[in-house]
Amino acid sequence: MHATIRRYDGVDQNRTVELTTKVNETLIPKLNKLPGFKGYFLVEAGNGVFSSLGLFETPEQGMESTKIVATWIRDEKLETLIPNEPKITSGRIVAHSDRVLVAA
C-alpha cells in the first residue's frame, strides 16, 4: 500500500467549514472512483494548516490523486481559500495497524 500526504499552509481560517464541506461533498466522491483507492483523511492542525492522507494500492494511483486534487481546487474556485501549493510526501507504507478509530 502507498500513502500520499499533502500539507497545506496558509489556509483561510475563516473558511474551514466551507473547505471541509466541499471535501466531503465533492472531493471524496471523486477519489472514491479511483482504482486502488483505500481511504482519505483530512486533518485540521490549526493556524491555517491542513494535512491530508490518501491511501492507494500503487504509487501511480497516488500521483493520479494529486492531479485530481489540483483540478478540484481550480474547479471549485478554492485558490483563495488554499493559496499555497501543498508540500507532498509519497511513499510505500512499511508499517501499519489494522485498527483505525475515526472520530466525527
Protein backbone atom coordinates (compact mmCIF):
# COMPACT_ATOMS: atom_id res chain seq x y z
CA MET A 1 0.00 0.00 0.00
CA HIS A 2 1.11 3.58 -0.69
CA ALA A 3 0.33 6.87 1.01
CA THR A 4 0.23 10.43 -0.27
CA ILE A 5 0.41 13.15 2.35
CA ARG A 6 -0.26 16.77 1.41
CA ARG A 7 0.38 19.66 3.81
CA TYR A 8 -1.42 22.91 3.08
CA ASP A 9 -0.17 26.08 4.79
CA GLY A 10 -1.95 29.44 4.79
CA VAL A 11 -5.49 28.07 4.52
CA ASP A 12 -8.09 30.80 5.11
CA GLN A 13 -9.14 30.12 8.72
CA ASN A 14 -12.48 31.88 8.17
CA ARG A 15 -13.47 29.35 5.51
CA THR A 16 -12.63 26.00 7.12
CA VAL A 17 -16.29 24.91 7.23
CA GLU A 18 -16.56 25.62 3.50
CA LEU A 19 -13.40 23.59 2.86
CA THR A 20 -14.46 20.56 4.88
CA THR A 21 -17.95 20.63 3.38
CA LYS A 22 -16.57 20.69 -0.17
CA VAL A 23 -14.06 17.94 0.62
CA ASN A 24 -16.83 15.69 1.91
CA GLU A 25 -19.37 16.54 -0.79
CA THR A 26 -17.25 16.80 -3.94
CA LEU A 27 -13.63 15.67 -3.47
CA ILE A 28 -14.06 12.38 -1.62
CA PRO A 29 -16.63 11.11 -4.16
CA LYS A 30 -14.08 11.79 -6.94
CA LEU A 31 -11.34 9.97 -5.03
CA ASN A 32 -13.67 7.05 -4.31
CA LYS A 33 -13.89 6.41 -8.06
CA LEU A 34 -10.12 5.98 -8.43
CA PRO A 35 -8.89 2.41 -8.90
CA GLY A 36 -6.89 1.28 -5.88
CA PHE A 37 -8.31 3.98 -3.58
CA LYS A 38 -8.21 2.78 0.05
CA GLY A 39 -9.01 5.87 2.12
CA TYR A 40 -8.72 9.59 2.71
CA PHE A 41 -8.32 11.65 5.86
CA LEU A 42 -8.22 15.44 6.27
CA VAL A 43 -6.58 16.81 9.41
CA GLU A 44 -7.03 20.37 10.66
CA ALA A 45 -3.83 21.19 12.56
CA GLY A 46 -4.76 24.78 13.43
CA ASN A 47 -3.23 28.11 12.43
CA GLY A 48 -4.24 27.66 8.79
CA VAL A 49 -2.57 24.26 8.40
CA PHE A 50 -4.37 21.25 6.95
CA SER A 51 -2.89 17.89 6.02
CA SER A 52 -4.47 15.13 4.02
CA LEU A 53 -3.61 11.45 3.88
CA GLY A 54 -4.64 9.38 0.87
CA LEU A 55 -4.14 5.62 0.75
CA PHE A 56 -3.72 3.71 -2.52
CA GLU A 57 -2.56 0.36 -3.83
CA THR A 58 0.18 1.82 -6.08
CA PRO A 59 2.31 4.98 -6.25
CA GLU A 60 0.82 5.79 -9.66
CA GLN A 61 -2.66 5.92 -8.15
CA GLY A 62 -1.39 8.35 -5.52
CA MET A 63 0.10 10.56 -8.24
CA GLU A 64 -3.21 10.49 -10.10
CA SER A 65 -4.97 11.60 -6.92
CA THR A 66 -2.65 14.62 -6.72
CA LYS A 67 -3.72 15.64 -10.24
CA ILE A 68 -7.38 15.19 -9.29
CA VAL A 69 -6.99 17.33 -6.15
CA ALA A 70 -5.24 20.12 -8.09
CA THR A 71 -8.03 20.12 -10.70
CA TRP A 72 -10.65 20.01 -7.93
CA ILE A 73 -9.15 23.11 -6.25
CA ARG A 74 -9.38 25.01 -9.57
CA ASP A 75 -12.86 23.70 -10.45
CA GLU A 76 -14.24 24.60 -7.01
CA LYS A 77 -12.51 28.01 -7.17
CA LEU A 78 -10.66 27.44 -3.90
CA GLU A 79 -7.42 29.20 -4.87
CA THR A 80 -8.03 32.00 -2.34
CA LEU A 81 -9.01 29.52 0.38
CA ILE A 82 -5.93 27.34 -0.32
CA PRO A 83 -3.46 29.91 -1.69
CA ASN A 84 -0.23 27.88 -1.47
CA GLU A 85 0.91 24.76 -3.25
CA PRO A 86 0.92 21.77 -0.89
CA LYS A 87 4.05 20.07 0.33
CA ILE A 88 3.64 16.48 -0.88
CA THR A 89 5.17 13.34 0.58
CA SER A 90 4.50 9.98 -1.02
CA GLY A 91 5.78 6.51 -0.35
CA ARG A 92 5.23 2.88 0.38
CA ILE A 93 3.66 2.08 3.73
CA VAL A 94 6.14 -0.08 5.63
CA ALA A 95 4.30 -0.47 8.96
CA HIS A 96 0.67 -0.10 9.95
CA SER A 97 -2.05 -1.08 12.37
CA ASP A 98 -5.21 -2.75 11.18
CA ARG A 99 -7.18 -0.82 13.77
CA VAL A 100 -8.38 2.62 12.72
CA LEU A 101 -10.55 4.72 15.01
CA VAL A 102 -12.28 7.67 13.37
CA ALA A 103 -13.99 10.33 15.48
CA ALA A 104 -16.62 12.53 13.88
